[in-house]
Structure formats: C-alpha cells, structure tokens
PDB file of N, CA and C in Angstrom:
ATOM      1  N   MET A   1       6.230  -1.664  -3.903  1.00  0.00           N
ATOM      2  CA  MET A   1       4.970  -1.029  -4.256  1.00  0.00           C
ATOM      3  C   MET A   1       4.314  -1.886  -5.329  1.00  0.00           C
ATOM      4  N   GLY A   2       3.050  -2.148  -5.135  1.00  0.00           N
ATOM      5  CA  GLY A   2       2.343  -2.984  -6.085  1.00  0.00           C
ATOM      6  C   GLY A   2       1.398  -2.193  -6.966  1.00  0.00           C
ATOM      7  N   THR A   3       1.030  -2.828  -8.034  1.00  0.00           N
ATOM      8  CA  THR A   3      -0.032  -2.329  -8.902  1.00  0.00           C
ATOM      9  C   THR A   3      -1.157  -3.349  -8.847  1.00  0.00           C
ATOM     10  N   LYS A   4      -2.278  -3.002  -9.385  1.00  0.00           N
ATOM     11  CA  LYS A   4      -3.407  -3.932  -9.389  1.00  0.00           C
ATOM     12  C   LYS A   4      -2.988  -5.265  -9.999  1.00  0.00           C
ATOM     13  N   GLN A   5      -2.375  -5.216 -11.183  1.00  0.00           N
ATOM     14  CA  GLN A   5      -2.023  -6.447 -11.874  1.00  0.00           C
ATOM     15  C   GLN A   5      -0.975  -7.250 -11.117  1.00  0.00           C
ATOM     16  N   SER A   6       0.049  -6.576 -10.585  1.00  0.00           N
ATOM     17  CA  SER A   6       1.089  -7.323  -9.862  1.00  0.00           C
ATOM     18  C   SER A   6       0.527  -7.966  -8.601  1.00  0.00           C
ATOM     19  N   GLU A   7      -0.368  -7.278  -7.917  1.00  0.00           N
ATOM     20  CA  GLU A   7      -0.968  -7.858  -6.705  1.00  0.00           C
ATOM     21  C   GLU A   7      -1.878  -9.032  -7.044  1.00  0.00           C
ATOM     22  N   LEU A   8      -2.613  -8.929  -8.143  1.00  0.00           N
ATOM     23  CA  LEU A   8      -3.450 -10.063  -8.564  1.00  0.00           C
ATOM     24  C   LEU A   8      -2.591 -11.278  -8.911  1.00  0.00           C
ATOM     25  N   ASN A   9      -1.512 -11.038  -9.654  1.00  0.00           N
ATOM     26  CA  ASN A   9      -0.614 -12.136 -10.014  1.00  0.00           C
ATOM     27  C   ASN A   9       0.003 -12.764  -8.773  1.00  0.00           C
ATOM     28  N   ASN A  10       0.475 -11.936  -7.853  1.00  0.00           N
ATOM     29  CA  ASN A  10       1.062 -12.454  -6.616  1.00  0.00           C
ATOM     30  C   ASN A  10       0.035 -13.250  -5.810  1.00  0.00           C
ATOM     31  N   ALA A  11      -1.184 -12.739  -5.725  1.00  0.00           N
ATOM     32  CA  ALA A  11      -2.222 -13.426  -4.956  1.00  0.00           C
ATOM     33  C   ALA A  11      -2.486 -14.820  -5.520  1.00  0.00           C
ATOM     34  N   LEU A  12      -2.512 -14.918  -6.838  1.00  0.00           N
ATOM     35  CA  LEU A  12      -2.734 -16.227  -7.464  1.00  0.00           C
ATOM     36  C   LEU A  12      -1.604 -17.199  -7.161  1.00  0.00           C
ATOM     37  N   ASP A  13      -0.398 -16.657  -6.939  1.00  0.00           N
ATOM     38  CA  ASP A  13       0.757 -17.486  -6.614  1.00  0.00           C
ATOM     39  C   ASP A  13       0.940 -17.670  -5.107  1.00  0.00           C
ATOM     40  N   GLY A  14      -0.003 -17.129  -4.299  1.00  0.00           N
ATOM     41  CA  GLY A  14       0.099 -17.237  -2.847  1.00  0.00           C
ATOM     42  C   GLY A  14       1.147 -16.314  -2.250  1.00  0.00           C
ATOM     43  N   LYS A  15       1.489 -15.258  -2.971  1.00  0.00           N
ATOM     44  CA  LYS A  15       2.521 -14.317  -2.523  1.00  0.00           C
ATOM     45  C   LYS A  15       1.892 -12.952  -2.261  1.00  0.00           C
ATOM     46  N   GLY A  16       2.671 -12.087  -1.651  1.00  0.00           N
ATOM     47  CA  GLY A  16       2.219 -10.724  -1.412  1.00  0.00           C
ATOM     48  C   GLY A  16       1.148 -10.654  -0.338  1.00  0.00           C
ATOM     49  N   CYS A  17       0.693  -9.452  -0.101  1.00  0.00           N
ATOM     50  CA  CYS A  17      -0.279  -9.190   0.960  1.00  0.00           C
ATOM     51  C   CYS A  17      -1.559 -10.009   0.768  1.00  0.00           C
ATOM     52  N   LEU A  18      -2.137  -9.955  -0.399  1.00  0.00           N
ATOM     53  CA  LEU A  18      -3.391 -10.679  -0.635  1.00  0.00           C
ATOM     54  C   LEU A  18      -3.185 -12.183  -0.707  1.00  0.00           C
ATOM     55  N   GLY A  19      -2.065 -12.602  -1.255  1.00  0.00           N
ATOM     56  CA  GLY A  19      -1.785 -14.028  -1.352  1.00  0.00           C
ATOM     57  C   GLY A  19      -1.560 -14.676  -0.003  1.00  0.00           C
ATOM     58  N   LYS A  20      -1.029 -13.906   0.951  1.00  0.00           N
ATOM     59  CA  LYS A  20      -0.763 -14.430   2.295  1.00  0.00           C
ATOM     60  C   LYS A  20      -1.977 -14.328   3.214  1.00  0.00           C
ATOM     61  N   ALA A  21      -2.949 -13.504   2.861  1.00  0.00           N
ATOM     62  CA  ALA A  21      -4.116 -13.285   3.717  1.00  0.00           C
ATOM     63  C   ALA A  21      -5.028 -14.512   3.705  1.00  0.00           C
ATOM     64  N   ALA A  22      -5.597 -14.778   4.861  1.00  0.00           N
ATOM     65  CA  ALA A  22      -6.583 -15.859   4.950  1.00  0.00           C
ATOM     66  C   ALA A  22      -7.814 -15.466   4.129  1.00  0.00           C
ATOM     67  N   PRO A  23      -8.539 -16.445   3.594  1.00  0.00           N
ATOM     68  CA  PRO A  23      -9.694 -16.124   2.753  1.00  0.00           C
ATOM     69  C   PRO A  23     -10.723 -15.210   3.426  1.00  0.00           C
ATOM     70  N   ASP A  24     -10.858 -15.310   4.741  1.00  0.00           N
ATOM     71  CA  ASP A  24     -11.852 -14.490   5.433  1.00  0.00           C
ATOM     72  C   ASP A  24     -11.214 -13.349   6.240  1.00  0.00           C
ATOM     73  N   GLU A  25      -9.939 -13.078   5.992  1.00  0.00           N
ATOM     74  CA  GLU A  25      -9.233 -12.014   6.728  1.00  0.00           C
ATOM     75  C   GLU A  25      -9.620 -10.637   6.181  1.00  0.00           C
ATOM     76  N   PRO A  26      -9.940  -9.694   7.048  1.00  0.00           N
ATOM     77  CA  PRO A  26     -10.255  -8.340   6.581  1.00  0.00           C
ATOM     78  C   PRO A  26      -9.024  -7.672   5.963  1.00  0.00           C
ATOM     79  N   VAL A  27      -9.221  -6.969   4.876  1.00  0.00           N
ATOM     80  CA  VAL A  27      -8.165  -6.190   4.225  1.00  0.00           C
ATOM     81  C   VAL A  27      -8.730  -4.815   3.883  1.00  0.00           C
ATOM     82  N   PHE A  28      -7.844  -3.868   3.677  1.00  0.00           N
ATOM     83  CA  PHE A  28      -8.250  -2.510   3.317  1.00  0.00           C
ATOM     84  C   PHE A  28      -7.337  -2.057   2.197  1.00  0.00           C
ATOM     85  N   ILE A  29      -7.903  -1.666   1.060  1.00  0.00           N
ATOM     86  CA  ILE A  29      -7.119  -1.292  -0.113  1.00  0.00           C
ATOM     87  C   ILE A  29      -7.292   0.197  -0.378  1.00  0.00           C
ATOM     88  N   LEU A  30      -6.174   0.877  -0.564  1.00  0.00           N
ATOM     89  CA  LEU A  30      -6.180   2.287  -0.941  1.00  0.00           C
ATOM     90  C   LEU A  30      -5.737   2.396  -2.387  1.00  0.00           C
ATOM     91  N   ARG A  31      -6.459   3.179  -3.157  1.00  0.00           N
ATOM     92  CA  ARG A  31      -6.134   3.366  -4.566  1.00  0.00           C
ATOM     93  C   ARG A  31      -5.357   4.654  -4.774  1.00  0.00           C
ATOM     94  N   GLY A  32      -4.561   4.684  -5.833  1.00  0.00           N
ATOM     95  CA  GLY A  32      -3.771   5.862  -6.157  1.00  0.00           C
ATOM     96  C   GLY A  32      -4.616   7.097  -6.410  1.00  0.00           C
ATOM     97  N   GLN A  33      -5.815   6.925  -6.862  1.00  0.00           N
ATOM     98  CA  GLN A  33      -6.674   8.077  -7.156  1.00  0.00           C
ATOM     99  C   GLN A  33      -7.262   8.717  -5.900  1.00  0.00           C
ATOM    100  N   ASP A  34      -7.226   8.005  -4.781  1.00  0.00           N
ATOM    101  CA  ASP A  34      -7.823   8.512  -3.541  1.00  0.00           C
ATOM    102  C   ASP A  34      -6.971   9.650  -2.983  1.00  0.00           C
ATOM    103  N   PHE A  35      -7.545  10.821  -2.877  1.00  0.00           N
ATOM    104  CA  PHE A  35      -6.836  12.007  -2.408  1.00  0.00           C
ATOM    105  C   PHE A  35      -6.194  11.791  -1.041  1.00  0.00           C
ATOM    106  N   HIS A  36      -6.818  11.006  -0.183  1.00  0.00           N
ATOM    107  CA  HIS A  36      -6.333  10.797   1.182  1.00  0.00           C
ATOM    108  C   HIS A  36      -5.313   9.665   1.299  1.00  0.00           C
ATOM    109  N   ALA A  37      -5.155   8.866   0.278  1.00  0.00           N
ATOM    110  CA  ALA A  37      -4.310   7.675   0.357  1.00  0.00           C
ATOM    111  C   ALA A  37      -2.857   7.973   0.731  1.00  0.00           C
ATOM    112  N   PRO A  38      -2.183   8.935   0.102  1.00  0.00           N
ATOM    113  CA  PRO A  38      -0.782   9.167   0.479  1.00  0.00           C
ATOM    114  C   PRO A  38      -0.616   9.523   1.957  1.00  0.00           C
ATOM    115  N   PHE A  39      -1.526  10.299   2.485  1.00  0.00           N
ATOM    116  CA  PHE A  39      -1.477  10.662   3.906  1.00  0.00           C
ATOM    117  C   PHE A  39      -1.579   9.412   4.771  1.00  0.00           C
ATOM    118  N   ALA A  40      -2.535   8.542   4.459  1.00  0.00           N
ATOM    119  CA  ALA A  40      -2.741   7.326   5.247  1.00  0.00           C
ATOM    120  C   ALA A  40      -1.525   6.399   5.153  1.00  0.00           C
ATOM    121  N   VAL A  41      -0.956   6.282   3.978  1.00  0.00           N
ATOM    122  CA  VAL A  41       0.209   5.409   3.796  1.00  0.00           C
ATOM    123  C   VAL A  41       1.409   5.969   4.564  1.00  0.00           C
ATOM    124  N   ARG A  42       1.595   7.283   4.524  1.00  0.00           N
ATOM    125  CA  ARG A  42       2.701   7.886   5.276  1.00  0.00           C
ATOM    126  C   ARG A  42       2.538   7.679   6.783  1.00  0.00           C
ATOM    127  N   ARG A  43       1.316   7.808   7.289  1.00  0.00           N
ATOM    128  CA  ARG A  43       1.098   7.571   8.723  1.00  0.00           C
ATOM    129  C   ARG A  43       1.402   6.118   9.070  1.00  0.00           C
ATOM    130  N   TRP A  44       1.010   5.195   8.196  1.00  0.00           N
ATOM    131  CA  TRP A  44       1.336   3.788   8.425  1.00  0.00           C
ATOM    132  C   TRP A  44       2.850   3.597   8.465  1.00  0.00           C
ATOM    133  N   ALA A  45       3.557   4.214   7.527  1.00  0.00           N
ATOM    134  CA  ALA A  45       5.017   4.093   7.473  1.00  0.00           C
ATOM    135  C   ALA A  45       5.657   4.644   8.745  1.00  0.00           C
ATOM    136  N   GLU A  46       5.146   5.760   9.250  1.00  0.00           N
ATOM    137  CA  GLU A  46       5.676   6.327  10.497  1.00  0.00           C
ATOM    138  C   GLU A  46       5.488   5.353  11.662  1.00  0.00           C
ATOM    139  N   ALA A  47       4.320   4.750  11.755  1.00  0.00           N
ATOM    140  CA  ALA A  47       4.058   3.788  12.824  1.00  0.00           C
ATOM    141  C   ALA A  47       4.927   2.545  12.663  1.00  0.00           C
ATOM    142  N   ALA A  48       5.061   2.069  11.442  1.00  0.00           N
ATOM    143  CA  ALA A  48       5.870   0.874  11.196  1.00  0.00           C
ATOM    144  C   ALA A  48       7.342   1.135  11.492  1.00  0.00           C
ATOM    145  N   ALA A  49       7.816   2.341  11.210  1.00  0.00           N
ATOM    146  CA  ALA A  49       9.216   2.674  11.451  1.00  0.00           C
ATOM    147  C   ALA A  49       9.578   2.605  12.931  1.00  0.00           C
ATOM    148  N   VAL A  50       8.599   2.824  13.795  1.00  0.00           N
ATOM    149  CA  VAL A  50       8.859   2.750  15.235  1.00  0.00           C
ATOM    150  C   VAL A  50       9.279   1.331  15.636  1.00  0.00           C
ATOM    151  N   THR A  51       8.636   0.337  15.052  1.00  0.00           N
ATOM    152  CA  THR A  51       8.948  -1.043  15.424  1.00  0.00           C
ATOM    153  C   THR A  51       9.933  -1.712  14.470  1.00  0.00           C
ATOM    154  N   LEU A  52       9.883  -1.352  13.190  1.00  0.00           N
ATOM    155  CA  LEU A  52      10.739  -2.010  12.199  1.00  0.00           C
ATOM    156  C   LEU A  52      12.046  -1.274  11.945  1.00  0.00           C
ATOM    157  N   GLY A  53      12.044   0.031  12.176  1.00  0.00           N
ATOM    158  CA  GLY A  53      13.205   0.866  11.876  1.00  0.00           C
ATOM    159  C   GLY A  53      12.992   1.656  10.597  1.00  0.00           C
ATOM    160  N   ASP A  54      13.591   2.845  10.566  1.00  0.00           N
ATOM    161  CA  ASP A  54      13.402   3.749   9.415  1.00  0.00           C
ATOM    162  C   ASP A  54      13.833   3.133   8.090  1.00  0.00           C
ATOM    163  N   GLY A  55      14.878   2.354   8.092  1.00  0.00           N
ATOM    164  CA  GLY A  55      15.401   1.810   6.843  1.00  0.00           C
ATOM    165  C   GLY A  55      14.816   0.474   6.439  1.00  0.00           C
ATOM    166  N   HIS A  56      13.809   0.003   7.150  1.00  0.00           N
ATOM    167  CA  HIS A  56      13.212  -1.297   6.817  1.00  0.00           C
ATOM    168  C   HIS A  56      12.605  -1.245   5.414  1.00  0.00           C
ATOM    169  N   PRO A  57      12.780  -2.310   4.619  1.00  0.00           N
ATOM    170  CA  PRO A  57      12.252  -2.313   3.247  1.00  0.00           C
ATOM    171  C   PRO A  57      10.751  -2.019   3.150  1.00  0.00           C
ATOM    172  N   LYS A  58       9.955  -2.489   4.103  1.00  0.00           N
ATOM    173  CA  LYS A  58       8.508  -2.222   4.053  1.00  0.00           C
ATOM    174  C   LYS A  58       8.215  -0.738   4.273  1.00  0.00           C
ATOM    175  N   VAL A  59       8.971  -0.097   5.141  1.00  0.00           N
ATOM    176  CA  VAL A  59       8.797   1.337   5.387  1.00  0.00           C
ATOM    177  C   VAL A  59       9.192   2.118   4.135  1.00  0.00           C
ATOM    178  N   THR A  60      10.318   1.765   3.558  1.00  0.00           N
ATOM    179  CA  THR A  60      10.778   2.421   2.328  1.00  0.00           C
ATOM    180  C   THR A  60       9.773   2.237   1.200  1.00  0.00           C
ATOM    181  N   GLU A  61       9.267   1.010   1.048  1.00  0.00           N
ATOM    182  CA  GLU A  61       8.287   0.719   0.004  1.00  0.00           C
ATOM    183  C   GLU A  61       7.012   1.542   0.199  1.00  0.00           C
ATOM    184  N   ALA A  62       6.570   1.660   1.438  1.00  0.00           N
ATOM    185  CA  ALA A  62       5.358   2.438   1.718  1.00  0.00           C
ATOM    186  C   ALA A  62       5.556   3.908   1.359  1.00  0.00           C
ATOM    187  N   LEU A  63       6.702   4.461   1.696  1.00  0.00           N
ATOM    188  CA  LEU A  63       6.957   5.870   1.380  1.00  0.00           C
ATOM    189  C   LEU A  63       7.055   6.085  -0.129  1.00  0.00           C
ATOM    190  N   GLU A  64       7.652   5.144  -0.832  1.00  0.00           N
ATOM    191  CA  GLU A  64       7.702   5.229  -2.297  1.00  0.00           C
ATOM    192  C   GLU A  64       6.301   5.146  -2.888  1.00  0.00           C
ATOM    193  N   CYS A  65       5.470   4.308  -2.310  1.00  0.00           N
ATOM    194  CA  CYS A  65       4.089   4.171  -2.768  1.00  0.00           C
ATOM    195  C   CYS A  65       3.329   5.479  -2.559  1.00  0.00           C
ATOM    196  N   ALA A  66       3.518   6.112  -1.405  1.00  0.00           N
ATOM    197  CA  ALA A  66       2.845   7.386  -1.129  1.00  0.00           C
ATOM    198  C   ALA A  66       3.253   8.439  -2.160  1.00  0.00           C
ATOM    199  N   GLN A  67       4.535   8.466  -2.522  1.00  0.00           N
ATOM    200  CA  GLN A  67       4.989   9.416  -3.539  1.00  0.00           C
ATOM    201  C   GLN A  67       4.351   9.121  -4.890  1.00  0.00           C
ATOM    202  N   ALA A  68       4.281   7.847  -5.253  1.00  0.00           N
ATOM    203  CA  ALA A  68       3.658   7.469  -6.525  1.00  0.00           C
ATOM    204  C   ALA A  68       2.181   7.828  -6.530  1.00  0.00           C
ATOM    205  N   MET A  69       1.518   7.662  -5.394  1.00  0.00           N
ATOM    206  CA  MET A  69       0.100   8.017  -5.296  1.00  0.00           C
ATOM    207  C   MET A  69      -0.089   9.522  -5.507  1.00  0.00           C
ATOM    208  N   GLU A  70       0.815  10.319  -4.973  1.00  0.00           N
ATOM    209  CA  GLU A  70       0.714  11.773  -5.146  1.00  0.00           C
ATOM    210  C   GLU A  70       0.901  12.187  -6.600  1.00  0.00           C
ATOM    211  N   ARG A  71       1.656  11.400  -7.344  1.00  0.00           N
ATOM    212  CA  ARG A  71       1.879  11.701  -8.769  1.00  0.00           C
ATOM    213  C   ARG A  71       0.764  11.173  -9.662  1.00  0.00           C
ATOM    214  N   TRP A  72      -0.115  10.337  -9.088  1.00  0.00           N
ATOM    215  CA  TRP A  72      -1.167   9.723  -9.898  1.00  0.00           C
ATOM    216  C   TRP A  72      -2.097  10.812 -10.449  1.00  0.00           C
ATOM    217  N   PRO A  73      -2.395  10.769 -11.771  1.00  0.00           N
ATOM    218  CA  PRO A  73      -3.295  11.783 -12.335  1.00  0.00           C
ATOM    219  C   PRO A  73      -4.753  11.549 -11.882  1.00  0.00           C
ATOM    220  N   ASN A  74      -5.524  12.591 -11.951  1.00  0.00           N
ATOM    221  CA  ASN A  74      -6.963  12.500 -11.667  1.00  0.00           C
ATOM    222  C   ASN A  74      -7.269  12.034 -10.243  1.00  0.00           C
ATOM    223  N   ARG A  75      -6.529  12.533  -9.279  1.00  0.00           N
ATOM    224  CA  ARG A  75      -6.830  12.189  -7.895  1.00  0.00           C
ATOM    225  C   ARG A  75      -8.139  12.857  -7.504  1.00  0.00           C
ATOM    226  N   LYS A  76      -8.872  12.182  -6.616  1.00  0.00           N
ATOM    227  CA  LYS A  76     -10.186  12.710  -6.229  1.00  0.00           C
ATOM    228  C   LYS A  76     -10.554  12.232  -4.842  1.00  0.00           C
ATOM    229  N   LEU A  77     -11.614  12.805  -4.317  1.00  0.00           N
ATOM    230  CA  LEU A  77     -12.149  12.351  -3.041  1.00  0.00           C
ATOM    231  C   LEU A  77     -12.810  10.993  -3.247  1.00  0.00           C
ATOM    232  N   PRO A  78     -12.871  10.159  -2.206  1.00  0.00           N
ATOM    233  CA  PRO A  78     -13.483   8.842  -2.364  1.00  0.00           C
ATOM    234  C   PRO A  78     -14.973   8.963  -2.726  1.00  0.00           C
ATOM    235  N   ASP A  79     -15.429   7.969  -3.468  1.00  0.00           N
ATOM    236  CA  ASP A  79     -16.847   7.916  -3.867  1.00  0.00           C
ATOM    237  C   ASP A  79     -17.719   7.564  -2.684  1.00  0.00           C
TER     238      ASP A  79
END
C-alpha cells in the first residue's frame, strides 16, 4: 500500500505503479478520502484474485489498502 509521498519517491526512481507507467499511459488514482474508494479497491482485488490467486501479494496489498481507506478520517463524496 502506498502513500502519496512513497509513490512520488518510487516514481522518481522508476519503481512502483507510476514509475513503471509510460509517460502517456492512462492511470486512475483513488484517494483515501473518497467514500467509494474502498469498494472499488475491493472489487479490483476480487477480480485480480481470480487470475493471481487469493494469497497473491498484490491482492493482499489491495485489501489492506481498502481497510486503511475505510479508517481514513474525513471521508467524503468525490468533488
């Protein structure tokens, strides 16, 4: 699970999701404050588990991220 700062640092080092993405590749970022984010992340994890397996590190990381998003204070609907 990443944070804004860790993802920025990884991107600068060519690592992580943003660091590996092509400069013109579409990306979609969900923030912890977004009320719908945990639901979307859990659905992604369910789909990924079908091909990667339930115990795959990416699936586990996504589910942990969804839990952290639910604990995030001041959650709200998207602007």
